[in-house]
PDB file of N, CA and C in Angstrom:
ATOM      1  N   MET A   1     -49.214 -31.851   3.838  1.00  0.00           N
ATOM      2  CA  MET A   1     -48.788 -31.050   2.714  1.00  0.00           C
ATOM      3  C   MET A   1     -50.284 -30.706   2.022  1.00  0.00           C
ATOM      4  N   SER A   2     -50.343 -29.589   1.820  1.00  0.00           N
ATOM      5  CA  SER A   2     -51.600 -29.065   1.012  1.00  0.00           C
ATOM      6  C   SER A   2     -51.654 -29.622  -0.329  1.00  0.00           C
ATOM      7  N   GLU A   3     -52.908 -29.517  -0.650  1.00  0.00           N
ATOM      8  CA  GLU A   3     -53.235 -30.279  -2.258  1.00  0.00           C
ATOM      9  C   GLU A   3     -52.563 -29.510  -3.134  1.00  0.00           C
ATOM     10  N   GLN A   4     -52.433 -28.158  -2.895  1.00  0.00           N
ATOM     11  CA  GLN A   4     -51.821 -27.220  -3.934  1.00  0.00           C
ATOM     12  C   GLN A   4     -50.199 -27.426  -3.861  1.00  0.00           C
ATOM     13  N   ALA A   5     -49.559 -27.726  -2.754  1.00  0.00           N
ATOM     14  CA  ALA A   5     -48.374 -28.081  -2.629  1.00  0.00           C
ATOM     15  C   ALA A   5     -47.997 -29.265  -3.198  1.00  0.00           C
ATOM     16  N   GLN A   6     -49.055 -30.202  -3.028  1.00  0.00           N
ATOM     17  CA  GLN A   6     -48.375 -31.600  -3.894  1.00  0.00           C
ATOM     18  C   GLN A   6     -48.713 -31.658  -5.224  1.00  0.00           C
ATOM     19  N   GLU A   7     -49.777 -30.767  -5.799  1.00  0.00           N
ATOM     20  CA  GLU A   7     -49.942 -30.591  -7.054  1.00  0.00           C
ATOM     21  C   GLU A   7     -48.875 -29.888  -7.758  1.00  0.00           C
ATOM     22  N   GLN A   8     -48.103 -28.924  -6.957  1.00  0.00           N
ATOM     23  CA  GLN A   8     -46.855 -28.209  -7.657  1.00  0.00           C
ATOM     24  C   GLN A   8     -45.957 -29.012  -7.654  1.00  0.00           C
ATOM     25  N   GLU A   9     -45.723 -30.249  -6.760  1.00  0.00           N
ATOM     26  CA  GLU A   9     -44.566 -31.179  -6.672  1.00  0.00           C
ATOM     27  C   GLU A   9     -44.640 -31.997  -7.593  1.00  0.00           C
ATOM     28  N   LYS A  10     -45.819 -32.352  -7.933  1.00  0.00           N
ATOM     29  CA  LYS A  10     -46.096 -33.563  -8.919  1.00  0.00           C
ATOM     30  C   LYS A  10     -45.742 -32.832 -10.293  1.00  0.00           C
ATOM     31  N   GLY A  11     -46.213 -31.712 -10.503  1.00  0.00           N
ATOM     32  CA  GLY A  11     -45.846 -30.994 -11.899  1.00  0.00           C
ATOM     33  C   GLY A  11     -44.666 -30.459 -12.268  1.00  0.00           C
ATOM     34  N   LYS A  12     -43.678 -30.590 -11.003  1.00  0.00           N
ATOM     35  CA  LYS A  12     -42.302 -30.312 -11.406  1.00  0.00           C
ATOM     36  C   LYS A  12     -41.552 -31.762 -12.111  1.00  0.00           C
ATOM     37  N   GLY A  13     -41.922 -32.652 -11.611  1.00  0.00           N
ATOM     38  CA  GLY A  13     -41.484 -34.127 -12.144  1.00  0.00           C
ATOM     39  C   GLY A  13     -39.914 -34.397 -11.518  1.00  0.00           C
ATOM     40  N   LYS A  14     -39.803 -33.539 -10.455  1.00  0.00           N
ATOM     41  CA  LYS A  14     -38.329 -33.807  -9.537  1.00  0.00           C
ATOM     42  C   LYS A  14     -38.644 -34.714  -8.512  1.00  0.00           C
ATOM     43  N   LYS A  15     -37.599 -35.407  -8.351  1.00  0.00           N
ATOM     44  CA  LYS A  15     -37.697 -36.522  -7.322  1.00  0.00           C
ATOM     45  C   LYS A  15     -37.087 -35.874  -5.891  1.00  0.00           C
ATOM     46  N   ARG A  16     -37.532 -35.671  -4.852  1.00  0.00           N
ATOM     47  CA  ARG A  16     -37.149 -35.232  -3.572  1.00  0.00           C
ATOM     48  C   ARG A  16     -36.695 -36.267  -2.709  1.00  0.00           C
ATOM     49  N   SER A  17     -35.803 -35.850  -1.912  1.00  0.00           N
ATOM     50  CA  SER A  17     -35.594 -36.705  -0.849  1.00  0.00           C
ATOM     51  C   SER A  17     -36.575 -36.677   0.222  1.00  0.00           C
ATOM     52  N   LYS A  18     -36.517 -37.937   1.092  1.00  0.00           N
ATOM     53  CA  LYS A  18     -37.473 -38.123   2.078  1.00  0.00           C
ATOM     54  C   LYS A  18     -37.266 -37.061   3.352  1.00  0.00           C
ATOM     55  N   LYS A  19     -36.057 -36.568   3.516  1.00  0.00           N
ATOM     56  CA  LYS A  19     -35.760 -35.302   4.389  1.00  0.00           C
ATOM     57  C   LYS A  19     -36.414 -34.006   3.985  1.00  0.00           C
ATOM     58  N   TYR A  20     -36.228 -33.853   2.447  1.00  0.00           N
ATOM     59  CA  TYR A  20     -36.912 -32.810   1.985  1.00  0.00           C
ATOM     60  C   TYR A  20     -38.236 -32.635   2.130  1.00  0.00           C
ATOM     61  N   LYS A  21     -38.963 -33.859   1.861  1.00  0.00           N
ATOM     62  CA  LYS A  21     -40.518 -33.829   1.877  1.00  0.00           C
ATOM     63  C   LYS A  21     -40.869 -33.662   3.219  1.00  0.00           C
ATOM     64  N   ARG A  22     -40.208 -33.996   4.413  1.00  0.00           N
ATOM     65  CA  ARG A  22     -40.508 -33.944   5.696  1.00  0.00           C
ATOM     66  C   ARG A  22     -40.457 -32.359   6.208  1.00  0.00           C
ATOM     67  N   VAL A  23     -39.268 -31.877   5.882  1.00  0.00           N
ATOM     68  CA  VAL A  23     -39.280 -30.393   6.128  1.00  0.00           C
ATOM     69  C   VAL A  23     -40.309 -29.391   5.503  1.00  0.00           C
ATOM     70  N   ARG A  24     -40.431 -29.897   4.171  1.00  0.00           N
ATOM     71  CA  ARG A  24     -41.501 -29.131   3.371  1.00  0.00           C
ATOM     72  C   ARG A  24     -42.922 -29.302   4.107  1.00  0.00           C
ATOM     73  N   GLU A  25     -43.313 -30.522   4.517  1.00  0.00           N
ATOM     74  CA  GLU A  25     -44.595 -30.780   5.250  1.00  0.00           C
ATOM     75  C   GLU A  25     -44.291 -29.755   6.772  1.00  0.00           C
ATOM     76  N   LYS A  26     -43.592 -30.017   7.171  1.00  0.00           N
ATOM     77  CA  LYS A  26     -43.446 -29.033   8.465  1.00  0.00           C
ATOM     78  C   LYS A  26     -43.442 -27.469   8.277  1.00  0.00           C
ATOM     79  N   PHE A  27     -42.864 -27.065   7.119  1.00  0.00           N
ATOM     80  CA  PHE A  27     -42.962 -25.685   6.700  1.00  0.00           C
ATOM     81  C   PHE A  27     -44.472 -25.339   6.405  1.00  0.00           C
ATOM     82  N   GLU A  28     -45.039 -26.079   5.739  1.00  0.00           N
ATOM     83  CA  GLU A  28     -46.601 -25.725   5.345  1.00  0.00           C
ATOM     84  C   GLU A  28     -47.514 -25.786   6.827  1.00  0.00           C
ATOM     85  N   GLU A  29     -47.013 -26.312   7.821  1.00  0.00           N
ATOM     86  CA  GLU A  29     -47.702 -26.260   9.004  1.00  0.00           C
ATOM     87  C   GLU A  29     -47.336 -24.958   9.996  1.00  0.00           C
ATOM     88  N   LEU A  30     -46.421 -24.066   9.334  1.00  0.00           N
ATOM     89  CA  LEU A  30     -45.948 -22.988  10.235  1.00  0.00           C
ATOM     90  C   LEU A  30     -47.002 -21.870   9.549  1.00  0.00           C
ATOM     91  N   PRO A  31     -47.178 -20.858  10.674  1.00  0.00           N
ATOM     92  CA  PRO A  31     -47.988 -19.704  10.479  1.00  0.00           C
ATOM     93  C   PRO A  31     -47.411 -18.921   9.269  1.00  0.00           C
ATOM     94  N   LEU A  32     -47.902 -17.895   8.470  1.00  0.00           N
ATOM     95  CA  LEU A  32     -47.650 -17.142   7.548  1.00  0.00           C
ATOM     96  C   LEU A  32     -46.476 -16.281   7.872  1.00  0.00           C
ATOM     97  N   GLU A  33     -46.500 -15.900   9.184  1.00  0.00           N
ATOM     98  CA  GLU A  33     -45.199 -14.832   9.834  1.00  0.00           C
ATOM     99  C   GLU A  33     -44.035 -15.615   9.779  1.00  0.00           C
ATOM    100  N   GLU A  34     -44.076 -16.816  10.492  1.00  0.00           N
ATOM    101  CA  GLU A  34     -42.918 -17.794  10.422  1.00  0.00           C
ATOM    102  C   GLU A  34     -42.516 -18.263   9.142  1.00  0.00           C
ATOM    103  N   LYS A  35     -43.486 -18.462   8.200  1.00  0.00           N
ATOM    104  CA  LYS A  35     -42.770 -18.933   6.872  1.00  0.00           C
ATOM    105  C   LYS A  35     -42.078 -17.909   6.292  1.00  0.00           C
ATOM    106  N   ALA A  36     -42.601 -16.571   6.328  1.00  0.00           N
ATOM    107  CA  ALA A  36     -41.633 -15.455   5.766  1.00  0.00           C
ATOM    108  C   ALA A  36     -40.366 -15.212   6.503  1.00  0.00           C
ATOM    109  N   THR A  37     -40.569 -15.429   7.636  1.00  0.00           N
ATOM    110  CA  THR A  37     -38.930 -15.247   8.587  1.00  0.00           C
ATOM    111  C   THR A  37     -38.176 -16.329   8.156  1.00  0.00           C
ATOM    112  N   PHE A  38     -38.662 -17.548   8.060  1.00  0.00           N
ATOM    113  CA  PHE A  38     -37.705 -18.647   7.771  1.00  0.00           C
ATOM    114  C   PHE A  38     -37.215 -18.561   6.207  1.00  0.00           C
ATOM    115  N   LEU A  39     -37.963 -18.143   5.653  1.00  0.00           N
ATOM    116  CA  LEU A  39     -37.551 -17.893   4.007  1.00  0.00           C
ATOM    117  C   LEU A  39     -36.540 -16.761   4.019  1.00  0.00           C
ATOM    118  N   VAL A  40     -36.694 -15.756   4.544  1.00  0.00           N
ATOM    119  CA  VAL A  40     -35.508 -14.617   4.517  1.00  0.00           C
ATOM    120  C   VAL A  40     -34.330 -15.254   5.303  1.00  0.00           C
ATOM    121  N   GLU A  41     -34.620 -15.917   6.207  1.00  0.00           N
ATOM    122  CA  GLU A  41     -33.163 -16.526   6.950  1.00  0.00           C
ATOM    123  C   GLU A  41     -32.570 -17.446   6.165  1.00  0.00           C
ATOM    124  N   ALA A  42     -33.277 -18.219   5.299  1.00  0.00           N
ATOM    125  CA  ALA A  42     -32.569 -19.158   4.521  1.00  0.00           C
ATOM    126  C   ALA A  42     -32.080 -18.559   3.131  1.00  0.00           C
ATOM    127  N   VAL A  43     -32.543 -17.348   2.960  1.00  0.00           N
ATOM    128  CA  VAL A  43     -32.139 -16.860   1.703  1.00  0.00           C
ATOM    129  C   VAL A  43     -30.545 -16.004   2.160  1.00  0.00           C
ATOM    130  N   PHE A  44     -30.853 -15.489   3.317  1.00  0.00           N
ATOM    131  CA  PHE A  44     -29.393 -14.914   3.867  1.00  0.00           C
ATOM    132  C   PHE A  44     -28.263 -15.902   4.177  1.00  0.00           C
ATOM    133  N   THR A  45     -28.758 -17.113   4.701  1.00  0.00           N
ATOM    134  CA  THR A  45     -27.693 -18.011   4.991  1.00  0.00           C
ATOM    135  C   THR A  45     -27.224 -18.703   3.771  1.00  0.00           C
ATOM    136  N   THR A  46     -28.135 -18.777   2.788  1.00  0.00           N
ATOM    137  CA  THR A  46     -27.568 -19.430   1.506  1.00  0.00           C
ATOM    138  C   THR A  46     -26.758 -18.262   0.459  1.00  0.00           C
ATOM    139  N   LEU A  47     -26.997 -17.114   0.715  1.00  0.00           N
ATOM    140  CA  LEU A  47     -26.302 -16.100   0.008  1.00  0.00           C
ATOM    141  C   LEU A  47     -24.926 -15.814   0.805  1.00  0.00           C
ATOM    142  N   THR A  48     -24.799 -15.828   1.987  1.00  0.00           N
ATOM    143  CA  THR A  48     -23.629 -15.896   2.718  1.00  0.00           C
ATOM    144  C   THR A  48     -22.790 -17.028   2.238  1.00  0.00           C
ATOM    145  N   LYS A  49     -23.475 -18.206   2.341  1.00  0.00           N
ATOM    146  CA  LYS A  49     -22.448 -19.451   2.111  1.00  0.00           C
ATOM    147  C   LYS A  49     -21.993 -19.301   0.700  1.00  0.00           C
ATOM    148  N   GLY A  50     -22.829 -18.832  -0.433  1.00  0.00           N
ATOM    149  CA  GLY A  50     -22.129 -18.666  -1.540  1.00  0.00           C
ATOM    150  C   GLY A  50     -21.381 -17.712  -1.718  1.00  0.00           C
ATOM    151  N   ILE A  51     -21.201 -16.595  -1.156  1.00  0.00           N
ATOM    152  CA  ILE A  51     -20.340 -15.291  -1.249  1.00  0.00           C
ATOM    153  C   ILE A  51     -18.872 -15.983  -0.450  1.00  0.00           C
ATOM    154  N   GLU A  52     -19.213 -16.683   0.646  1.00  0.00           N
ATOM    155  CA  GLU A  52     -17.888 -17.259   1.185  1.00  0.00           C
ATOM    156  C   GLU A  52     -17.074 -18.157   0.224  1.00  0.00           C
ATOM    157  N   HIS A  53     -17.799 -18.996  -0.510  1.00  0.00           N
ATOM    158  CA  HIS A  53     -17.559 -19.857  -1.377  1.00  0.00           C
ATOM    159  C   HIS A  53     -17.049 -19.393  -2.612  1.00  0.00           C
ATOM    160  N   ALA A  54     -17.361 -18.194  -2.971  1.00  0.00           N
ATOM    161  CA  ALA A  54     -16.921 -17.461  -4.211  1.00  0.00           C
ATOM    162  C   ALA A  54     -15.637 -16.922  -3.751  1.00  0.00           C
ATOM    163  N   GLY A  55     -15.790 -16.330  -2.487  1.00  0.00           N
ATOM    164  CA  GLY A  55     -14.452 -15.583  -2.177  1.00  0.00           C
ATOM    165  C   GLY A  55     -13.224 -16.615  -1.992  1.00  0.00           C
ATOM    166  N   LYS A  56     -13.502 -17.500  -1.551  1.00  0.00           N
ATOM    167  CA  LYS A  56     -12.345 -18.595  -1.139  1.00  0.00           C
ATOM    168  C   LYS A  56     -11.919 -19.012  -2.782  1.00  0.00           C
ATOM    169  N   ALA A  57     -12.901 -19.435  -3.958  1.00  0.00           N
ATOM    170  CA  ALA A  57     -12.198 -19.640  -4.888  1.00  0.00           C
ATOM    171  C   ALA A  57     -11.394 -18.372  -5.556  1.00  0.00           C
ATOM    172  N   PHE A  58     -12.208 -17.259  -5.577  1.00  0.00           N
ATOM    173  CA  PHE A  58     -11.223 -16.220  -6.127  1.00  0.00           C
ATOM    174  C   PHE A  58     -10.095 -16.010  -5.220  1.00  0.00           C
ATOM    175  N   SER A  59      -9.646 -16.253  -4.137  1.00  0.00           N
ATOM    176  CA  SER A  59      -8.396 -16.159  -3.443  1.00  0.00           C
ATOM    177  C   SER A  59      -7.575 -17.341  -4.055  1.00  0.00           C
ATOM    178  N   GLU A  60      -8.142 -18.520  -4.011  1.00  0.00           N
ATOM    179  CA  GLU A  60      -7.399 -19.621  -4.459  1.00  0.00           C
ATOM    180  C   GLU A  60      -6.936 -19.322  -5.781  1.00  0.00           C
ATOM    181  N   GLU A  61      -7.601 -18.634  -6.725  1.00  0.00           N
ATOM    182  CA  GLU A  61      -7.230 -18.308  -8.316  1.00  0.00           C
ATOM    183  C   GLU A  61      -6.005 -17.320  -7.998  1.00  0.00           C
ATOM    184  N   LEU A  62      -6.635 -16.360  -7.374  1.00  0.00           N
ATOM    185  CA  LEU A  62      -5.338 -15.236  -7.124  1.00  0.00           C
ATOM    186  C   LEU A  62      -4.033 -15.993  -6.945  1.00  0.00           C
ATOM    187  N   ASN A  63      -3.991 -16.535  -5.828  1.00  0.00           N
ATOM    188  CA  ASN A  63      -2.706 -17.145  -5.428  1.00  0.00           C
ATOM    189  C   ASN A  63      -2.129 -17.906  -6.230  1.00  0.00           C
ATOM    190  N   SER A  64      -2.995 -18.581  -7.138  1.00  0.00           N
ATOM    191  CA  SER A  64      -2.447 -19.435  -8.177  1.00  0.00           C
ATOM    192  C   SER A  64      -1.540 -18.646  -9.342  1.00  0.00           C
ATOM    193  N   LEU A  65      -2.580 -17.545  -9.717  1.00  0.00           N
ATOM    194  CA  LEU A  65      -1.776 -16.543 -10.449  1.00  0.00           C
ATOM    195  C   LEU A  65      -0.373 -15.745  -9.869  1.00  0.00           C
ATOM    196  N   PHE A  66      -0.581 -15.480  -8.745  1.00  0.00           N
ATOM    197  CA  PHE A  66       0.736 -14.799  -8.153  1.00  0.00           C
ATOM    198  C   PHE A  66       1.812 -15.690  -8.331  1.00  0.00           C
ATOM    199  N   GLU A  67       1.678 -17.216  -7.973  1.00  0.00           N
ATOM    200  CA  GLU A  67       2.616 -17.919  -8.002  1.00  0.00           C
ATOM    201  C   GLU A  67       3.269 -18.248  -9.290  1.00  0.00           C
ATOM    202  N   GLN A  68       2.148 -18.380 -10.399  1.00  0.00           N
ATOM    203  CA  GLN A  68       2.787 -18.499 -11.674  1.00  0.00           C
ATOM    204  C   GLN A  68       3.623 -17.271 -12.003  1.00  0.00           C
ATOM    205  N   ALA A  69       3.177 -16.108 -11.743  1.00  0.00           N
ATOM    206  CA  ALA A  69       3.732 -15.061 -11.886  1.00  0.00           C
ATOM    207  C   ALA A  69       5.200 -14.855 -11.452  1.00  0.00           C
ATOM    208  N   ARG A  70       5.164 -15.251 -10.023  1.00  0.00           N
ATOM    209  CA  ARG A  70       6.531 -15.416  -9.230  1.00  0.00           C
ATOM    210  C   ARG A  70       7.518 -16.504 -10.123  1.00  0.00           C
ATOM    211  N   GLU A  71       6.994 -17.436 -10.396  1.00  0.00           N
ATOM    212  CA  GLU A  71       7.830 -18.664 -11.180  1.00  0.00           C
ATOM    213  C   GLU A  71       8.279 -17.985 -12.328  1.00  0.00           C
ATOM    214  N   GLN A  72       7.521 -17.321 -13.097  1.00  0.00           N
ATOM    215  CA  GLN A  72       7.884 -16.763 -14.523  1.00  0.00           C
ATOM    216  C   GLN A  72       8.923 -15.625 -14.301  1.00  0.00           C
ATOM    217  N   ALA A  73       8.789 -15.010 -13.354  1.00  0.00           N
ATOM    218  CA  ALA A  73       9.762 -13.675 -13.149  1.00  0.00           C
ATOM    219  C   ALA A  73      11.054 -14.428 -12.697  1.00  0.00           C
ATOM    220  N   GLU A  74      11.167 -15.546 -11.981  1.00  0.00           N
ATOM    221  CA  GLU A  74      12.408 -16.275 -11.477  1.00  0.00           C
ATOM    222  C   GLU A  74      12.984 -16.862 -12.622  1.00  0.00           C
ATOM    223  N   ARG A  75      12.399 -17.588 -13.573  1.00  0.00           N
ATOM    224  CA  ARG A  75      12.610 -18.092 -14.712  1.00  0.00           C
ATOM    225  C   ARG A  75      13.436 -17.079 -15.744  1.00  0.00           C
ATOM    226  N   HIS A  76      12.770 -15.666 -15.957  1.00  0.00           N
ATOM    227  CA  HIS A  76      13.274 -14.667 -16.573  1.00  0.00           C
ATOM    228  C   HIS A  76      14.629 -14.188 -15.925  1.00  0.00           C
ATOM    229  N   ALA A  77      14.580 -13.982 -14.368  1.00  0.00           N
ATOM    230  CA  ALA A  77      15.707 -13.604 -13.749  1.00  0.00           C
ATOM    231  C   ALA A  77      16.863 -14.532 -14.142  1.00  0.00           C
ATOM    232  N   GLU A  78      16.540 -16.017 -14.209  1.00  0.00           N
ATOM    233  CA  GLU A  78      17.603 -16.768 -14.336  1.00  0.00           C
ATOM    234  C   GLU A  78      18.418 -16.819 -15.642  1.00  0.00           C
ATOM    235  N   SER A  79      17.405 -16.721 -16.761  1.00  0.00           N
ATOM    236  CA  SER A  79      17.817 -16.651 -18.019  1.00  0.00           C
ATOM    237  C   SER A  79      18.645 -15.136 -18.388  1.00  0.00           C
ATOM    238  N   ALA A  80      18.079 -14.071 -17.661  1.00  0.00           N
ATOM    239  CA  ALA A  80      18.959 -12.895 -17.795  1.00  0.00           C
ATOM    240  C   ALA A  80      20.476 -13.006 -17.298  1.00  0.00           C
ATOM    241  N   GLU A  81      20.339 -13.875 -16.257  1.00  0.00           N
ATOM    242  CA  GLU A  81      21.743 -14.143 -15.612  1.00  0.00           C
ATOM    243  C   GLU A  81      22.622 -14.815 -16.604  1.00  0.00           C
ATOM    244  N   ASP A  82      22.020 -15.946 -17.051  1.00  0.00           N
ATOM    245  CA  ASP A  82      22.569 -17.025 -18.080  1.00  0.00           C
ATOM    246  C   ASP A  82      23.135 -15.925 -19.270  1.00  0.00           C
ATOM    247  N   ASP A  83      22.199 -14.977 -19.659  1.00  0.00           N
ATOM    248  CA  ASP A  83      22.626 -14.297 -21.059  1.00  0.00           C
ATOM    249  C   ASP A  83      23.771 -13.103 -20.562  1.00  0.00           C
ATOM    250  N   SER A  84      23.830 -12.786 -19.335  1.00  0.00           N
ATOM    251  CA  SER A  84      24.716 -11.529 -19.001  1.00  0.00           C
ATOM    252  C   SER A  84      26.276 -11.782 -19.514  1.00  0.00           C
ATOM    253  N   GLY A  85      26.894 -13.098 -19.642  1.00  0.00           N
ATOM    254  CA  GLY A  85      28.057 -13.305 -19.994  1.00  0.00           C
ATOM    255  C   GLY A  85      29.173 -12.948 -19.072  1.00  0.00           C
ATOM    256  N   PRO A  86      30.533 -13.031 -19.275  1.00  0.00           N
ATOM    257  CA  PRO A  86      31.661 -12.815 -18.469  1.00  0.00           C
ATOM    258  C   PRO A  86      31.825 -11.137 -18.181  1.00  0.00           C
ATOM    259  N   GLY A  87      31.393 -10.263 -19.018  1.00  0.00           N
ATOM    260  CA  GLY A  87      31.542  -9.002 -18.859  1.00  0.00           C
ATOM    261  C   GLY A  87      30.981  -8.153 -17.945  1.00  0.00           C
ATOM    262  N   GLU A  88      29.677  -8.835 -17.444  1.00  0.00           N
ATOM    263  CA  GLU A  88      29.063  -8.224 -16.085  1.00  0.00           C
ATOM    264  C   GLU A  88      29.771  -9.129 -15.015  1.00  0.00           C
ATOM    265  N   GLY A  89      29.619  -8.253 -13.795  1.00  0.00           N
ATOM    266  CA  GLY A  89      30.004  -9.184 -12.439  1.00  0.00           C
ATOM    267  C   GLY A  89      31.435  -9.935 -12.757  1.00  0.00           C
ATOM    268  N   ALA A  90      32.431  -9.493 -13.360  1.00  0.00           N
ATOM    269  CA  ALA A  90      33.718 -10.321 -13.570  1.00  0.00           C
ATOM    270  C   ALA A  90      34.161 -10.187 -12.107  1.00  0.00           C
ATOM    271  N   PRO A  91      34.916 -11.208 -11.783  1.00  0.00           N
ATOM    272  CA  PRO A  91      35.789 -11.182 -10.295  1.00  0.00           C
ATOM    273  C   PRO A  91      36.472 -10.221 -10.068  1.00  0.00           C
ATOM    274  N   GLY A  92      36.460  -9.384  -8.886  1.00  0.00           N
ATOM    275  CA  GLY A  92      37.273  -8.284  -8.369  1.00  0.00           C
ATOM    276  C   GLY A  92      36.691  -7.026  -8.799  1.00  0.00           C
ATOM    277  N   GLU A  93      35.540  -6.984  -9.815  1.00  0.00           N
ATOM    278  CA  GLU A  93      35.049  -5.702 -10.229  1.00  0.00           C
ATOM    279  C   GLU A  93      34.395  -5.192  -8.917  1.00  0.00           C
ATOM    280  N   ALA A  94      33.523  -6.072  -8.224  1.00  0.00           N
ATOM    281  CA  ALA A  94      33.002  -5.565  -7.076  1.00  0.00           C
ATOM    282  C   ALA A  94      33.691  -5.047  -5.882  1.00  0.00           C
ATOM    283  N   ASP A  95      34.940  -5.867  -5.712  1.00  0.00           N
ATOM    284  CA  ASP A  95      35.815  -5.402  -4.694  1.00  0.00           C
ATOM    285  C   ASP A  95      36.669  -4.088  -4.993  1.00  0.00           C
ATOM    286  N   ALA A  96      37.069  -3.843  -6.259  1.00  0.00           N
ATOM    287  CA  ALA A  96      37.549  -2.627  -6.497  1.00  0.00           C
ATOM    288  C   ALA A  96      36.348  -1.487  -6.404  1.00  0.00           C
ATOM    289  N   ALA A  97      35.295  -1.727  -6.322  1.00  0.00           N
ATOM    290  CA  ALA A  97      34.248  -0.586  -6.209  1.00  0.00           C
ATOM    291  C   ALA A  97      33.967  -0.181  -4.851  1.00  0.00           C
ATOM    292  N   ASN A  98      34.361  -1.223  -4.146  1.00  0.00           N
ATOM    293  CA  ASN A  98      34.001  -0.975  -2.568  1.00  0.00           C
ATOM    294  C   ASN A  98      35.387  -0.386  -1.752  1.00  0.00           C
ATOM    295  N   ASP A  99      36.409  -0.341  -2.421  1.00  0.00           N
ATOM    296  CA  ASP A  99      37.828   0.302  -1.982  1.00  0.00           C
ATOM    297  C   ASP A  99      37.529   1.665  -1.888  1.00  0.00           C
ATOM    298  N   GLU A 100      37.681   2.008  -0.655  1.00  0.00           N
ATOM    299  CA  GLU A 100      37.681   3.522  -0.403  1.00  0.00           C
ATOM    300  C   GLU A 100      39.081   4.222   0.008  1.00  0.00           C
ATOM    301  N   PRO A 101      39.499   5.331  -0.713  1.00  0.00           N
ATOM    302  CA  PRO A 101      40.790   5.613  -0.271  1.00  0.00           C
ATOM    303  C   PRO A 101      40.707   5.993   1.140  1.00  0.00           C
ATOM    304  N   PRO A 102      41.812   6.076   1.835  1.00  0.00           N
ATOM    305  CA  PRO A 102      41.915   6.355   3.208  1.00  0.00           C
ATOM    306  C   PRO A 102      41.310   7.689   3.594  1.00  0.00           C
ATOM    307  N   GLU A 103      41.424   8.711   2.622  1.00  0.00           N
ATOM    308  CA  GLU A 103      40.593   9.732   3.137  1.00  0.00           C
ATOM    309  C   GLU A 103      39.133   9.662   3.231  1.00  0.00           C
ATOM    310  N   ALA A 104      38.496   9.082   2.621  1.00  0.00           N
ATOM    311  CA  ALA A 104      37.093   8.939   2.488  1.00  0.00           C
ATOM    312  C   ALA A 104      36.653   8.097   3.858  1.00  0.00           C
ATOM    313  N   SER A 105      37.421   7.197   4.396  1.00  0.00           N
ATOM    314  CA  SER A 105      36.925   6.665   5.651  1.00  0.00           C
ATOM    315  C   SER A 105      37.225   7.491   6.822  1.00  0.00           C
ATOM    316  N   GLY A 106      38.232   8.532   6.487  1.00  0.00           N
ATOM    317  CA  GLY A 106      38.508   9.489   7.817  1.00  0.00           C
ATOM    318  C   GLY A 106      39.551   8.929   8.336  1.00  0.00           C
ATOM    319  N   GLU A 107      40.312   8.109   8.014  1.00  0.00           N
ATOM    320  CA  GLU A 107      41.709   7.908   8.409  1.00  0.00           C
ATOM    321  C   GLU A 107      42.791   8.204   7.515  1.00  0.00           C
ATOM    322  N   HIS A 108      43.952   8.573   7.902  1.00  0.00           N
ATOM    323  CA  HIS A 108      45.144   9.022   6.905  1.00  0.00           C
ATOM    324  C   HIS A 108      46.288   7.988   7.339  1.00  0.00           C
ATOM    325  N   ALA A 109      47.039   7.523   6.678  1.00  0.00           N
ATOM    326  CA  ALA A 109      48.103   6.543   6.795  1.00  0.00           C
ATOM    327  C   ALA A 109      49.030   7.041   7.541  1.00  0.00           C
ATOM    328  N   ASP A 110      49.134   8.381   8.006  1.00  0.00           N
ATOM    329  CA  ASP A 110      50.421   8.735   8.803  1.00  0.00           C
ATOM    330  C   ASP A 110      49.515   9.176  10.228  1.00  0.00           C
ATOM    331  N   ASP A 111      48.117   8.853  10.298  1.00  0.00           N
ATOM    332  CA  ASP A 111      47.482   9.332  11.638  1.00  0.00           C
ATOM    333  C   ASP A 111      48.069   7.997  12.644  1.00  0.00           C
ATOM    334  N   GLU A 112      48.078   8.365  13.828  1.00  0.00           N
ATOM    335  CA  GLU A 112      48.214   7.393  14.879  1.00  0.00           C
ATOM    336  C   GLU A 112      46.973   6.655  15.275  1.00  0.00           C
ATOM    337  N   PRO A 113      47.122   5.437  15.489  1.00  0.00           N
ATOM    338  CA  PRO A 113      45.688   5.077  16.168  1.00  0.00           C
ATOM    339  C   PRO A 113      45.204   5.732  17.294  1.00  0.00           C
ATOM    340  N   ALA A 114      43.885   5.705  17.522  1.00  0.00           N
ATOM    341  CA  ALA A 114      43.579   6.163  18.753  1.00  0.00           C
ATOM    342  C   ALA A 114      43.910   5.465  19.986  1.00  0.00           C
ATOM    343  N   GLU A 115      43.937   6.228  21.029  1.00  0.00           N
ATOM    344  CA  GLU A 115      44.282   5.456  22.144  1.00  0.00           C
ATOM    345  C   GLU A 115      43.171   5.006  22.738  1.00  0.00           C
ATOM    346  N   GLU A 116      43.551   3.900  23.522  1.00  0.00           N
ATOM    347  CA  GLU A 116      42.504   2.915  24.528  1.00  0.00           C
ATOM    348  C   GLU A 116      42.275   3.546  25.423  1.00  0.00           C
ATOM    349  N   LYS A 117      41.011   3.987  25.826  1.00  0.00           N
ATOM    350  CA  LYS A 117      40.562   4.328  27.251  1.00  0.00           C
ATOM    351  C   LYS A 117      40.351   3.303  28.142  1.00  0.00           C
ATOM    352  N   ASN A 118      40.810   3.230  29.303  1.00  0.00           N
ATOM    353  CA  ASN A 118      40.543   2.312  30.523  1.00  0.00           C
ATOM    354  C   ASN A 118      39.690   2.453  31.128  1.00  0.00           C
TER     355      ASN A 118
END
């Protein structure tokens, strides 16, 4: 490690791991062009991981919000059903609405059934 790098590290007052110190020393041994390439690659890798992490956190938060909204909608629907009372959806009401007169179905009471084909 160069003297300048050692002085900078001492001035920061931060404790670094042995692994960090070894990598830092090896980095100092690289030619300038490789240092630049290494730094660019490290920045892009770090940014990519950060964006992936943020995307995952955003997705989880969105899923949580959608789940809360779904649960709230279900509770609202249940309370609306409870408040509807016996006037709505009374037994037999739906059946009467579905009954069609014979004319609507295309059959008449006095028509004979169609003959079966063999």
